[in-house]
Amino acid sequence: MWAPSIWKYAIAAAVLPQVLLAQQAGNVTSEVHPSLTSEVCTKAGGCTTQATKVVLDANWRWLHNHANFDNCFNGYFNATLCPDPQTCAANCALEGANYKEDYGISTADTELSLTFITKSNRGSRLYLLQDDETYKHFKLLNREFTFDVDASQLPCGMNGALYFVEMDADGGKTRFPTNKAGAKFGTGYCDAQCPRDIKFINGEANMKDWTTPGKYQGSYGSCCQEMDVWEANSMATTLTPHTCLVDKQTRCTGNSCEDCDRHGCDFNPFRVGNQEFFGPGGKVDTKKPVTVVTRFVTDDNTDNGKLAAIQRWYVQEGKVIQNTNTSVSGVDITNELTDKFCEQAKGVFGQTNTHGALGGLAKMGEALQRGVVLTMSLWADYGGNMHWLDSTVPADQPDAPGAKRGNCPTSGGSPDDLAKNHPGAQVKFSNIKVGEFGSTTTVDLTPKAPTPAPTPTPTPTPIATSNNTAEVNETASSTPAPTPTPAVSNDNSTKVNVTALSNPTPNPAPISTSDNTSKVDVNATAIATPQVNTTAVNVSVDPIKTPAPVTT
C-alpha cells in the first residue's frame, strides 16, 4: 500500500514542553473515530446492534515533534529528533486524522467506503473498535462471519481486503509502556508477512537499517497469524489462512521473520478451475453488491474444537450461491478450504506446504479462539502489481498448474498507473455480522436435497399368441410413464456436498504462490506514513504481496 503524505499543519502555538513518554498521542487534530455499527447474532434472539467504530492505522498518520511540529518522518527518520529508537519514540507524536478529507474514508451507519486517491494519499487501512481505546476482538471458532461488499469500482491491480490479524486489543499499550498512543491511534499492526515498513514496533521506532527510497523498511518486522476472509477486486477473489508459529503480535528480525506462512493456503475460484464463477457477469456478478458468508467449522462442532474447515457462501439478489467446487487434476473435488485441500493444491501447484508445516488450520484456529482484530483496507501492490491475485504468475509459464489466478493482463496493475487512471477506485464494506451458524442471513444456506425423479411405470410386456397378435399384460398400465429426468446439476449454486455443509468435516487450503504481501503501504515519504514495502518472494513461484510507497 501507500502511506499518506500529511499536510504540515501551520498553527501559531507556544512551544509545548517535551515529555519523555514515547510514541505519544498528538494534540493538533482531535481524533474522532467514524461510527460503523456491526451486529452480533444468535438463532434464538436474532441480531443485536453494536456501537462499533473504525480507526486509521498509525502508519498513515502525521508523525511530528510534540514540541514544535517538525516532521519526525519524511520517508526517512529525522536524524535530530530520532538519533535512536527510544529517543525517537519519546520525541514524536501520532496525530489525529481528517478521515474523509485527507484519506477518502467515510461511513454511514453500517457502511464503510474507502477511496484510493485523496490529495497526496494512496490507500488506507482501518481496524474495528469496540470503544475509543480498544479494538474489538472477534472469536470465530464455530461461528459465521457475514458482510456485504461492492467491488464493482476496483479494477485489475487493486485489492479491497477484509481480514483478521492477532493484534493486541489495546494496540500494545499494556505490553509496551513506551507506546502511549495505543489502539486509539491505530498502533500495533502485524500480519503473516511480518511487515518491516511499520514505523513503530513494540513502542520503539523501527529505524535501524531503515532503507529509503524504494523499500521503506527497517530491520524489524511485526508478525502474527492472519486470516484473509476476502481479498478481491472486480476480477478475482481469494480466501486465505496464513498460519504462524507465534501466538501473539511478535517483533522479529532476520530468520525469525520466516516463522509465518507468507503465501498462505489460498482458495481462488479461478485458480482452482472455475474461470466463470467470479467477475463481471459471472455467477457471482461483481457488477452488483454481494453478501459474503464464511463459516469456521470445528472438528466437533463446538466452540472449543479444532478448526477443521472454512466454508464459503455468497448471496446475491436473494439467491444463495454455493462456493465453487475445485476442478484441478490431483485435487479432490471440494468447495471447502481444508488441510487436505491445502496439501493437495500445494503439491499440484509445485509449492511448499508451509501451511501444514506450521500447524495448518488447527494452528489458525487457536488465534481465532483467542481473538482477532477485523481489518479493512484498500491498496495497490508495489511488489507484484497484484498479479498473485488476478493475473498469471509466473507470467512466462501461463500453462503451469495454478499459474492463472484471473484474467487480468500481466502487463497491468502498476500502482502509479492505477493512481493516474483510476484515482477514484473504491470499495464499500457494509452490514458486518457475526454469530451462530444460520443466524446472520435471512436466507437458508443449507442446500436442498434434489427432488427425486418419479418412479417409472413398467413398460407393458407383450404376450405371445398363436395368431401373432400382441396381447397386453392386464396388470401393466396401458399408457407408458414418461422417461424420468435425472436430477443432475453442475451448477454449484444449487448442488453442494450436503454432508460437508450440514455436518462439516475438516479440510484447508494454500495461498497462492499467489502470494500475500502485507496489506500496508510501501512508500511513505514526508510527513506521511510509509506503506508496506514487502519484498517480493520467489516470483517464479509466487510473489509475496507488497504494499505501496508514500510520496510527499
Protein backbone atom coordinates (compact mmCIF):
# COMPACT_ATOMS: atom_id res chain seq x y z
CA MET A 1 0.00 0.00 0.00
CA TRP A 2 0.90 3.58 0.04
CA ALA A 3 1.37 5.69 3.11
CA PRO A 4 -0.11 9.13 3.13
CA SER A 5 1.64 12.43 2.79
CA ILE A 6 0.05 14.52 5.51
CA TRP A 7 -0.22 18.26 5.32
CA LYS A 8 2.05 20.11 7.67
CA TYR A 9 -0.22 22.00 10.00
CA ALA A 10 0.52 25.71 10.20
CA ILE A 11 -0.58 26.86 13.60
CA ALA A 12 0.55 29.58 15.91
CA ALA A 13 1.18 27.97 19.25
CA ALA A 14 3.60 28.22 22.08
CA VAL A 15 6.26 25.55 22.19
CA LEU A 16 4.90 22.77 24.33
CA PRO A 17 7.12 21.19 26.97
CA GLN A 18 8.54 17.86 25.82
CA VAL A 19 7.63 14.89 27.96
CA LEU A 20 9.61 11.67 27.78
CA LEU A 21 6.73 9.32 27.16
CA ALA A 22 7.35 7.75 23.78
CA GLN A 23 5.13 7.15 20.79
CA GLN A 24 2.90 9.89 22.07
CA ALA A 25 -0.56 10.97 21.07
CA GLY A 26 -0.74 14.30 19.25
CA ASN A 27 -2.98 17.25 20.12
CA VAL A 28 -3.19 19.26 16.90
CA THR A 29 -6.16 17.44 15.36
CA SER A 30 -8.74 15.73 17.52
CA GLU A 31 -9.03 12.01 16.83
CA VAL A 32 -12.73 11.35 16.18
CA HIS A 33 -13.42 7.75 15.20
CA PRO A 34 -16.09 7.33 12.49
CA SER A 35 -19.02 5.18 13.61
CA LEU A 36 -19.50 1.84 11.84
CA THR A 37 -22.15 -0.24 13.55
CA SER A 38 -21.96 -4.03 13.43
CA GLU A 39 -24.15 -6.87 14.71
CA VAL A 40 -23.84 -9.96 16.90
CA CYS A 41 -26.44 -12.64 16.12
CA THR A 42 -27.98 -15.77 17.61
CA LYS A 43 -30.59 -18.07 16.10
CA ALA A 44 -32.84 -17.71 19.12
CA GLY A 45 -32.58 -13.97 19.69
CA GLY A 46 -31.76 -12.51 16.30
CA CYS A 47 -29.16 -9.76 15.82
CA THR A 48 -28.11 -7.05 18.29
CA THR A 49 -26.51 -3.82 17.08
CA GLN A 50 -23.05 -2.97 18.41
CA ALA A 51 -21.82 0.66 18.62
CA THR A 52 -18.51 -0.09 16.93
CA LYS A 53 -16.21 2.41 15.18
CA VAL A 54 -13.18 2.41 12.89
CA VAL A 55 -9.68 3.80 13.40
CA LEU A 56 -6.95 4.58 10.87
CA ASP A 57 -3.66 2.69 11.14
CA ALA A 58 -0.78 4.58 12.78
CA ASN A 59 1.47 4.17 9.74
CA TRP A 60 -0.72 6.59 7.72
CA ARG A 61 -0.63 9.37 10.30
CA TRP A 62 1.39 12.54 10.58
CA LEU A 63 4.30 11.86 12.94
CA HIS A 64 5.77 15.07 14.36
CA ASN A 65 7.82 16.51 17.19
CA HIS A 66 5.47 17.00 20.09
CA ALA A 67 7.21 20.30 20.92
CA ASN A 68 7.33 22.20 17.63
CA PHE A 69 5.54 20.16 14.96
CA ASP A 70 8.61 19.35 12.87
CA ASN A 71 8.25 16.12 10.96
CA CYS A 72 9.74 13.07 12.62
CA PHE A 73 9.39 11.14 9.39
CA ASN A 74 9.61 12.25 5.79
CA GLY A 75 10.40 9.00 4.04
CA TYR A 76 13.26 8.66 6.49
CA PHE A 77 13.56 9.35 10.21
CA ASN A 78 14.63 12.84 11.26
CA ALA A 79 18.21 12.41 12.49
CA THR A 80 17.89 15.17 15.07
CA LEU A 81 14.63 14.02 16.58
CA CYS A 82 15.37 10.33 16.11
CA PRO A 83 19.02 9.60 16.95
CA ASP A 84 17.94 6.20 18.33
CA PRO A 85 14.69 4.19 18.60
CA GLN A 86 13.92 5.13 22.21
CA THR A 87 14.58 8.87 21.84
CA CYS A 88 12.54 8.93 18.65
CA ALA A 89 9.58 7.42 20.47
CA ALA A 90 9.95 9.98 23.25
CA ASN A 91 10.14 12.94 20.86
CA CYS A 92 7.44 12.05 18.37
CA ALA A 93 3.65 12.06 18.45
CA LEU A 94 0.99 10.50 16.23
CA GLU A 95 -1.63 12.99 15.11
CA GLY A 96 -5.39 12.73 14.75
CA ALA A 97 -6.83 12.16 11.28
CA ASN A 98 -9.22 14.02 8.99
CA TYR A 99 -10.72 10.80 7.69
CA LYS A 100 -12.74 11.96 4.72
CA GLU A 101 -10.75 14.98 3.54
CA ASP A 102 -7.24 13.53 3.79
CA TYR A 103 -7.84 9.79 3.44
CA GLY A 104 -11.04 9.28 1.45
CA ILE A 105 -12.66 7.32 4.29
CA SER A 106 -16.35 7.75 5.05
CA THR A 107 -19.01 5.84 6.96
CA ALA A 108 -22.81 5.85 7.01
CA ASP A 109 -24.49 3.65 9.62
CA THR A 110 -23.33 0.13 8.68
CA GLU A 111 -21.32 1.08 5.55
CA LEU A 112 -17.62 1.92 5.19
CA SER A 113 -16.34 3.45 1.94
CA LEU A 114 -12.62 3.58 1.05
CA THR A 115 -11.34 5.62 -1.92
CA PHE A 116 -7.88 5.03 -3.41
CA ILE A 117 -6.54 8.56 -4.06
CA THR A 118 -7.25 11.59 -1.88
CA LYS A 119 -4.97 14.62 -2.19
CA SER A 120 -1.49 13.13 -1.79
CA ASN A 121 -2.64 9.97 0.00
CA ARG A 122 -2.93 6.49 -1.52
CA GLY A 123 -4.98 3.76 0.08
CA SER A 124 -5.82 3.17 3.72
CA ARG A 125 -6.08 0.53 6.43
CA LEU A 126 -8.54 0.57 9.30
CA TYR A 127 -9.49 -1.52 12.33
CA LEU A 128 -12.83 -2.05 14.05
CA LEU A 129 -13.01 -0.62 17.59
CA GLN A 130 -15.35 -1.74 20.37
CA ASP A 131 -14.69 1.60 22.09
CA ASP A 132 -12.33 4.53 21.52
CA GLU A 133 -9.39 2.80 23.23
CA THR A 134 -9.88 -0.87 22.32
CA TYR A 135 -10.02 -2.97 19.17
CA LYS A 136 -12.93 -5.39 19.00
CA HIS A 137 -11.67 -8.96 19.40
CA PHE A 138 -13.62 -11.48 17.32
CA LYS A 139 -13.70 -15.12 18.44
CA LEU A 140 -14.66 -17.01 15.32
CA LEU A 141 -14.48 -20.74 16.04
CA ASN A 142 -17.83 -22.40 15.35
CA ARG A 143 -19.17 -19.06 14.08
CA GLU A 144 -20.08 -17.49 10.77
CA PHE A 145 -18.95 -14.03 9.69
CA THR A 146 -21.03 -12.12 7.16
CA PHE A 147 -20.63 -8.81 5.34
CA ASP A 148 -21.74 -7.09 2.14
CA VAL A 149 -19.20 -5.79 -0.35
CA ASP A 150 -19.33 -3.69 -3.50
CA ALA A 151 -16.13 -4.26 -5.50
CA SER A 152 -17.51 -3.02 -8.81
CA GLN A 153 -15.18 0.00 -8.82
CA LEU A 154 -11.97 -1.97 -8.22
CA PRO A 155 -10.03 -2.60 -11.45
CA CYS A 156 -7.21 -5.08 -12.04
CA GLY A 157 -4.34 -4.39 -9.66
CA MET A 158 -6.42 -3.09 -6.76
CA ASN A 159 -7.24 -5.02 -3.58
CA GLY A 160 -10.15 -4.23 -1.29
CA ALA A 161 -9.32 -6.54 1.62
CA LEU A 162 -11.21 -7.63 4.72
CA TYR A 163 -9.26 -9.87 7.08
CA PHE A 164 -8.37 -10.67 10.68
CA VAL A 165 -5.00 -10.38 12.45
CA GLU A 166 -3.98 -11.27 16.01
CA MET A 167 -3.21 -7.76 17.28
CA ASP A 168 -3.32 -6.78 20.95
CA ALA A 169 -6.74 -5.37 21.80
CA ASP A 170 -5.17 -2.20 23.23
CA GLY A 171 -2.70 -1.77 20.36
CA GLY A 172 0.21 -2.87 22.57
CA LYS A 173 -0.06 -0.24 25.33
CA THR A 174 -0.05 -2.75 28.17
CA ARG A 175 2.81 -4.92 26.93
CA PHE A 176 4.90 -1.96 25.75
CA PRO A 177 4.53 1.00 28.14
CA THR A 178 6.51 3.30 25.83
CA ASN A 179 3.52 3.14 23.48
CA LYS A 180 1.20 5.85 24.76
CA ALA A 181 -0.90 6.13 21.62
CA GLY A 182 -2.41 2.64 21.53
CA ALA A 183 -5.49 1.46 19.69
CA LYS A 184 -6.95 4.98 19.76
CA PHE A 185 -4.36 5.92 17.14
CA GLY A 186 -4.19 2.57 15.32
CA THR A 187 -0.93 1.14 16.70
CA GLY A 188 0.23 -2.48 16.97
CA TYR A 189 -0.29 -3.81 13.43
CA CYS A 190 1.06 -7.23 12.48
CA ASP A 191 0.37 -9.88 9.86
CA ALA A 192 1.84 -13.08 8.43
CA GLN A 193 4.13 -11.22 6.03
CA CYS A 194 5.92 -9.83 9.11
CA PRO A 195 5.96 -6.35 7.51
CA ARG A 196 9.09 -4.29 8.06
CA ASP A 197 7.61 -0.97 6.96
CA ILE A 198 5.86 -0.42 10.30
CA LYS A 199 7.45 2.76 11.70
CA PHE A 200 6.98 1.84 15.36
CA ILE A 201 7.06 -1.73 16.67
CA ASN A 202 6.82 -2.66 20.36
CA GLY A 203 6.82 1.03 21.32
CA GLU A 204 10.12 1.84 19.57
CA ALA A 205 10.98 3.40 16.23
CA ASN A 206 11.84 0.80 13.58
CA MET A 207 14.68 3.00 12.33
CA LYS A 208 17.61 0.61 12.46
CA ASP A 209 18.87 -0.03 8.91
CA TRP A 210 15.87 1.88 7.53
CA THR A 211 16.10 1.92 3.75
CA THR A 212 14.78 4.69 1.53
CA PRO A 213 13.72 5.38 -1.11
CA GLY A 214 12.03 2.39 -2.69
CA LYS A 215 11.83 -0.10 0.14
CA TYR A 216 10.86 1.94 3.17
CA GLN A 217 11.56 -0.75 5.71
CA GLY A 218 13.62 -1.27 8.83
CA SER A 219 15.40 -4.24 10.32
CA TYR A 220 12.40 -5.37 12.38
CA GLY A 221 9.14 -6.96 11.28
CA SER A 222 5.83 -7.42 13.10
CA CYS A 223 4.42 -10.97 12.89
CA CYS A 224 1.13 -12.61 13.80
CA GLN A 225 -1.45 -15.01 12.41
CA GLU A 226 -3.64 -13.67 9.61
CA MET A 227 -6.98 -14.89 8.28
CA ASP A 228 -7.75 -13.32 4.90
CA VAL A 229 -11.51 -13.68 4.61
CA TRP A 230 -11.68 -11.50 1.50
CA GLU A 231 -9.02 -10.19 -0.86
CA ALA A 232 -10.58 -9.07 -4.10
CA ASN A 233 -11.19 -6.65 -6.90
CA SER A 234 -13.87 -6.84 -9.60
CA MET A 235 -11.94 -9.58 -11.42
CA ALA A 236 -10.75 -12.07 -8.80
CA THR A 237 -11.04 -13.09 -5.17
CA THR A 238 -9.26 -15.39 -2.73
CA LEU A 239 -9.85 -16.83 0.75
CA THR A 240 -6.54 -17.47 2.56
CA PRO A 241 -5.43 -18.51 6.06
CA HIS A 242 -1.82 -17.63 7.00
CA THR A 243 -0.51 -19.58 9.97
CA CYS A 244 2.40 -18.55 12.22
CA LEU A 245 4.38 -20.19 15.00
CA VAL A 246 3.87 -17.14 17.23
CA ASP A 247 0.74 -16.82 19.38
CA LYS A 248 0.52 -13.00 19.55
CA GLN A 249 1.97 -9.90 17.87
CA THR A 250 5.72 -10.50 17.89
CA ARG A 251 8.67 -8.40 16.74
CA CYS A 252 11.04 -10.32 14.51
CA THR A 253 14.42 -9.88 12.92
CA GLY A 254 16.40 -11.98 10.45
CA ASN A 255 15.30 -15.61 10.18
CA SER A 256 12.66 -15.23 12.88
CA CYS A 257 10.65 -13.24 10.33
CA GLU A 258 10.17 -16.53 8.47
CA ASP A 259 8.03 -18.07 11.22
CA CYS A 260 4.82 -17.38 9.29
CA ASP A 261 3.26 -18.73 6.12
CA ARG A 262 3.56 -15.62 3.97
CA HIS A 263 1.95 -17.16 0.91
CA GLY A 264 -0.77 -18.94 2.88
CA CYS A 265 -3.19 -21.52 1.51
CA ASP A 266 -5.47 -19.78 -0.97
CA PHE A 267 -8.83 -20.80 -2.37
CA ASN A 268 -9.21 -18.69 -5.52
CA PRO A 269 -12.17 -19.88 -7.67
CA PHE A 270 -10.37 -19.04 -10.92
CA ARG A 271 -7.16 -20.78 -9.86
CA VAL A 272 -8.92 -23.97 -8.76
CA GLY A 273 -10.68 -24.39 -12.09
CA ASN A 274 -13.82 -22.27 -12.40
CA GLN A 275 -12.97 -19.30 -14.61
CA GLU A 276 -16.59 -18.17 -14.98
CA PHE A 277 -17.54 -18.16 -11.31
CA PHE A 278 -16.44 -14.69 -10.13
CA GLY A 279 -16.29 -11.41 -12.04
CA PRO A 280 -18.42 -9.00 -14.08
CA GLY A 281 -21.38 -11.05 -15.33
CA GLY A 282 -20.16 -14.18 -13.50
CA LYS A 283 -22.15 -16.49 -11.26
CA VAL A 284 -21.03 -14.10 -8.52
CA ASP A 285 -21.54 -10.90 -10.50
CA THR A 286 -19.13 -8.20 -9.30
CA LYS A 287 -21.11 -5.51 -11.11
CA LYS A 288 -23.51 -5.81 -8.15
CA PRO A 289 -23.08 -5.86 -4.36
CA VAL A 290 -22.85 -9.32 -2.83
CA THR A 291 -23.23 -10.79 0.65
CA VAL A 292 -20.29 -12.98 1.69
CA VAL A 293 -20.76 -15.64 4.38
CA THR A 294 -17.79 -17.51 5.86
CA ARG A 295 -18.04 -20.31 8.42
CA PHE A 296 -15.24 -21.54 10.66
CA VAL A 297 -16.14 -25.18 11.31
CA THR A 298 -14.57 -27.18 14.13
CA ASP A 299 -13.93 -30.91 14.24
CA ASP A 300 -16.52 -31.47 16.98
CA ASN A 301 -18.92 -28.63 16.07
CA THR A 302 -18.25 -26.81 19.35
CA ASP A 303 -16.56 -23.53 20.26
CA ASN A 304 -13.67 -25.47 21.82
CA GLY A 305 -12.91 -27.82 18.94
CA LYS A 306 -10.09 -27.57 16.41
CA LEU A 307 -10.64 -25.61 13.22
CA ALA A 308 -11.27 -28.23 10.55
CA ALA A 309 -12.78 -26.41 7.57
CA ILE A 310 -13.54 -22.95 6.26
CA GLN A 311 -16.75 -22.77 4.23
CA ARG A 312 -18.00 -20.04 1.93
CA TRP A 313 -21.36 -18.92 0.52
CA TYR A 314 -22.46 -15.91 -1.47
CA VAL A 315 -25.92 -14.35 -1.54
CA GLN A 316 -26.85 -12.05 -4.40
CA GLU A 317 -30.30 -10.64 -5.13
CA GLY A 318 -31.80 -13.17 -2.73
CA LYS A 319 -30.16 -16.17 -4.39
CA VAL A 320 -27.78 -18.41 -2.44
CA ILE A 321 -24.66 -19.27 -4.41
CA GLN A 322 -22.62 -22.19 -3.08
CA ASN A 323 -18.86 -21.84 -3.32
CA THR A 324 -17.44 -23.36 -6.49
CA ASN A 325 -16.08 -26.90 -6.47
CA THR A 326 -12.44 -27.46 -7.31
CA SER A 327 -11.67 -28.78 -10.78
CA VAL A 328 -7.93 -29.46 -10.77
CA SER A 329 -6.32 -32.78 -11.59
CA GLY A 330 -4.75 -34.15 -8.42
CA VAL A 331 -7.03 -32.18 -6.07
CA ASP A 332 -10.13 -33.89 -4.67
CA ILE A 333 -13.42 -32.20 -5.57
CA THR A 334 -14.38 -29.88 -2.72
CA ASN A 335 -15.80 -26.43 -2.10
CA GLU A 336 -14.25 -26.11 1.36
CA LEU A 337 -10.81 -24.98 2.45
CA THR A 338 -9.28 -27.83 4.48
CA ASP A 339 -5.82 -29.13 5.34
CA LYS A 340 -6.28 -31.86 2.75
CA PHE A 341 -7.11 -29.29 0.06
CA CYS A 342 -4.03 -27.27 1.03
CA GLU A 343 -1.73 -30.27 0.88
CA GLN A 344 -3.04 -31.42 -2.49
CA ALA A 345 -3.15 -27.98 -4.10
CA LYS A 346 0.34 -27.07 -2.92
CA GLY A 347 1.62 -30.33 -4.37
CA VAL A 348 -0.08 -29.86 -7.73
CA PHE A 349 0.97 -26.20 -7.95
CA GLY A 350 4.58 -27.04 -7.10
CA GLN A 351 4.69 -25.13 -3.82
CA THR A 352 5.94 -25.98 -0.36
CA ASN A 353 3.12 -26.71 2.06
CA THR A 354 4.22 -24.21 4.71
CA HIS A 355 0.61 -24.06 5.87
CA GLY A 356 0.78 -27.67 7.01
CA ALA A 357 4.32 -27.41 8.35
CA LEU A 358 3.31 -24.58 10.70
CA GLY A 359 0.27 -26.37 12.10
CA GLY A 360 -2.43 -25.91 9.47
CA LEU A 361 -5.98 -24.97 10.32
CA ALA A 362 -5.67 -26.18 13.90
CA LYS A 363 -2.97 -23.57 14.48
CA MET A 364 -5.03 -20.87 12.79
CA GLY A 365 -7.98 -21.89 14.94
CA GLU A 366 -6.01 -21.15 18.10
CA ALA A 367 -5.79 -17.50 17.07
CA LEU A 368 -9.48 -17.41 16.15
CA GLN A 369 -10.27 -18.75 19.62
CA ARG A 370 -8.04 -16.23 21.44
CA GLY A 371 -9.44 -13.27 19.50
CA VAL A 372 -8.52 -11.42 16.31
CA VAL A 373 -8.96 -7.84 15.05
CA LEU A 374 -11.04 -7.01 11.97
CA THR A 375 -9.01 -5.11 9.38
CA MET A 376 -10.30 -3.43 6.21
CA SER A 377 -8.00 -1.92 3.62
CA LEU A 378 -7.64 -0.67 0.07
CA TRP A 379 -4.23 -0.97 -1.54
CA ALA A 380 -2.11 -1.34 -4.65
CA ASP A 381 0.86 -3.70 -4.84
CA TYR A 382 4.32 -2.22 -5.43
CA GLY A 383 5.98 -5.61 -5.20
CA GLY A 384 4.00 -7.63 -7.74
CA ASN A 385 1.22 -5.46 -9.25
CA MET A 386 -1.35 -7.77 -7.59
CA HIS A 387 -0.71 -10.46 -10.22
CA TRP A 388 -0.74 -13.13 -7.50
CA LEU A 389 -4.45 -12.29 -7.07
CA ASP A 390 -5.83 -11.52 -10.53
CA SER A 391 -3.32 -12.35 -13.30
CA THR A 392 -0.71 -15.04 -14.14
CA VAL A 393 2.35 -15.95 -12.04
CA PRO A 394 4.87 -16.73 -13.34
CA ALA A 395 3.95 -14.69 -16.42
CA ASP A 396 6.13 -16.75 -18.74
CA GLN A 397 4.52 -20.05 -17.68
CA PRO A 398 0.79 -19.48 -18.19
CA ASP A 399 0.09 -23.20 -18.64
CA ALA A 400 1.75 -24.27 -15.40
CA PRO A 401 -0.72 -25.68 -12.83
CA GLY A 402 -2.05 -22.86 -10.66
CA ALA A 403 -0.33 -20.10 -12.62
CA LYS A 404 -3.55 -18.42 -13.75
CA ARG A 405 -5.38 -16.64 -10.97
CA GLY A 406 -7.54 -14.31 -13.09
CA ASN A 407 -7.97 -12.71 -16.50
CA CYS A 408 -6.05 -9.51 -15.78
CA PRO A 409 -3.10 -8.83 -18.13
CA THR A 410 0.44 -9.46 -16.92
CA SER A 411 1.38 -6.01 -18.21
CA GLY A 412 -1.03 -4.18 -15.89
CA GLY A 413 -1.53 -3.44 -12.20
CA SER A 414 1.17 -0.81 -11.69
CA PRO A 415 0.27 1.36 -8.67
CA ASP A 416 1.40 4.51 -10.48
CA ASP A 417 -0.79 3.66 -13.47
CA LEU A 418 -3.70 2.97 -11.15
CA ALA A 419 -3.20 6.30 -9.40
CA LYS A 420 -3.21 8.07 -12.76
CA ASN A 421 -6.04 6.20 -14.46
CA HIS A 422 -8.22 5.03 -11.54
CA PRO A 423 -7.85 7.58 -8.72
CA GLY A 424 -11.49 7.05 -7.78
CA ALA A 425 -11.16 3.29 -7.31
CA GLN A 426 -13.34 2.45 -4.35
CA VAL A 427 -14.58 -0.40 -2.19
CA LYS A 428 -17.58 -0.46 0.13
CA PHE A 429 -18.00 -2.86 3.06
CA SER A 430 -21.27 -2.96 4.99
CA ASN A 431 -23.61 -4.96 7.25
CA ILE A 432 -20.89 -6.67 9.28
CA LYS A 433 -22.33 -9.53 11.35
CA VAL A 434 -21.01 -12.43 13.40
CA GLY A 435 -22.95 -15.20 15.08
CA GLU A 436 -24.06 -18.80 15.30
CA PHE A 437 -24.35 -20.78 12.10
CA GLY A 438 -27.52 -19.76 10.29
CA SER A 439 -28.07 -16.57 12.31
CA THR A 440 -26.54 -13.82 10.17
CA THR A 441 -28.62 -14.08 6.99
CA THR A 442 -32.33 -14.13 6.24
CA VAL A 443 -31.93 -16.91 3.68
CA ASP A 444 -31.30 -20.60 4.31
CA LEU A 445 -27.77 -21.51 3.25
CA THR A 446 -28.31 -25.25 3.65
CA PRO A 447 -28.52 -26.87 0.21
CA LYS A 448 -31.81 -28.59 -0.50
CA ALA A 449 -31.71 -32.25 -1.43
CA PRO A 450 -32.64 -32.69 -5.10
CA THR A 451 -36.25 -33.68 -5.80
CA PRO A 452 -36.26 -37.40 -6.57
CA ALA A 453 -37.24 -38.41 -10.08
CA PRO A 454 -40.65 -40.09 -10.42
CA THR A 455 -40.68 -43.86 -10.30
CA PRO A 456 -41.27 -45.10 -13.86
CA THR A 457 -44.24 -47.33 -14.57
CA PRO A 458 -43.14 -50.63 -16.11
CA THR A 459 -43.45 -50.87 -19.87
CA PRO A 460 -46.19 -53.38 -20.83
CA THR A 461 -44.85 -56.78 -21.72
CA PRO A 462 -46.46 -58.29 -24.83
CA ILE A 463 -47.71 -61.88 -24.52
CA ALA A 464 -47.20 -64.10 -27.50
CA THR A 465 -50.35 -65.67 -29.04
CA SER A 466 -50.91 -68.22 -31.68
CA ASN A 467 -52.12 -65.63 -34.15
CA ASN A 468 -49.00 -63.46 -33.52
CA THR A 469 -51.15 -60.67 -32.07
CA ALA A 470 -49.53 -58.95 -29.10
CA GLU A 471 -51.68 -59.17 -26.00
CA VAL A 472 -51.00 -56.56 -23.32
CA ASN A 473 -50.41 -57.74 -19.78
CA GLU A 474 -53.50 -56.53 -17.93
CA THR A 475 -51.54 -55.70 -14.81
CA ALA A 476 -49.43 -53.19 -16.72
CA SER A 477 -50.53 -49.67 -17.46
CA SER A 478 -51.86 -49.10 -20.93
CA THR A 479 -50.04 -45.73 -21.07
CA PRO A 480 -46.28 -45.85 -20.51
CA ALA A 481 -44.86 -43.41 -17.95
CA PRO A 482 -42.57 -40.66 -19.17
CA THR A 483 -38.85 -41.30 -19.00
CA PRO A 484 -37.65 -39.84 -15.70
CA THR A 485 -35.30 -36.84 -15.86
CA PRO A 486 -32.14 -37.38 -13.85
CA ALA A 487 -31.60 -34.82 -11.10
CA VAL A 488 -28.07 -33.87 -12.01
CA SER A 489 -26.52 -30.41 -11.98
CA ASN A 490 -23.09 -28.91 -12.44
CA ASP A 491 -24.32 -25.66 -11.00
CA ASN A 492 -22.70 -25.12 -7.64
CA SER A 493 -25.34 -22.57 -6.77
CA THR A 494 -27.78 -25.43 -6.25
CA LYS A 495 -25.78 -28.57 -5.68
CA VAL A 496 -23.26 -28.88 -2.85
CA ASN A 497 -21.94 -31.60 -0.66
CA VAL A 498 -24.82 -31.71 1.78
CA THR A 499 -22.89 -33.72 4.29
CA ALA A 500 -19.99 -31.32 4.24
CA LEU A 501 -22.11 -28.24 4.75
CA SER A 502 -24.56 -29.54 7.29
CA ASN A 503 -22.15 -31.69 9.24
CA PRO A 504 -18.74 -30.38 8.15
CA THR A 505 -15.55 -32.29 8.35
CA PRO A 506 -12.02 -30.84 8.33
CA ASN A 507 -10.20 -29.71 5.10
CA PRO A 508 -7.99 -26.45 4.47
CA ALA A 509 -6.22 -24.56 1.56
CA PRO A 510 -3.00 -22.81 0.34
CA ILE A 511 -2.30 -19.24 -0.62
CA SER A 512 -1.09 -18.50 -3.89
CA THR A 513 2.17 -18.89 -4.90
CA SER A 514 -0.35 -16.22 -5.25
CA ASP A 515 1.35 -14.61 -2.51
CA ASN A 516 0.10 -12.36 0.12
CA THR A 517 2.18 -9.38 0.83
CA SER A 518 1.31 -7.30 3.79
CA LYS A 519 -1.64 -5.09 3.17
CA VAL A 520 0.22 -1.98 4.09
CA ASP A 521 1.64 0.81 2.16
CA VAL A 522 5.08 0.84 0.99
CA ASN A 523 6.38 4.24 0.28
CA ALA A 524 5.90 6.71 2.99
CA THR A 525 7.52 9.97 2.47
CA ALA A 526 7.37 13.26 4.04
CA ILE A 527 5.01 13.78 6.81
CA ALA A 528 3.22 10.75 5.77
CA THR A 529 3.27 7.21 6.71
CA PRO A 530 5.08 4.73 4.57
CA GLN A 531 3.35 1.84 3.10
CA VAL A 532 4.20 -1.70 3.41
CA ASN A 533 7.05 -2.48 1.22
CA THR A 534 7.20 -6.18 1.38
CA THR A 535 9.92 -7.67 -0.70
CA ALA A 536 8.78 -9.98 -3.44
CA VAL A 537 9.23 -13.61 -2.69
CA ASN A 538 10.37 -16.13 -5.26
CA VAL A 539 8.47 -14.53 -8.07
CA SER A 540 8.97 -17.57 -10.19
CA VAL A 541 6.76 -19.39 -7.79
CA ASP A 542 4.60 -16.77 -6.20
CA PRO A 543 5.46 -13.24 -5.25
CA ILE A 544 4.52 -12.03 -1.82
CA LYS A 545 2.10 -9.18 -1.80
CA THR A 546 3.86 -5.89 -1.44
CA PRO A 547 2.08 -2.71 -0.47
CA ALA A 548 2.77 0.76 -1.70
CA PRO A 549 5.24 3.57 -1.18
CA VAL A 550 4.40 7.00 0.12
CA THR A 551 5.13 10.20 -1.70
CA THR A 552 5.16 13.69 -0.46
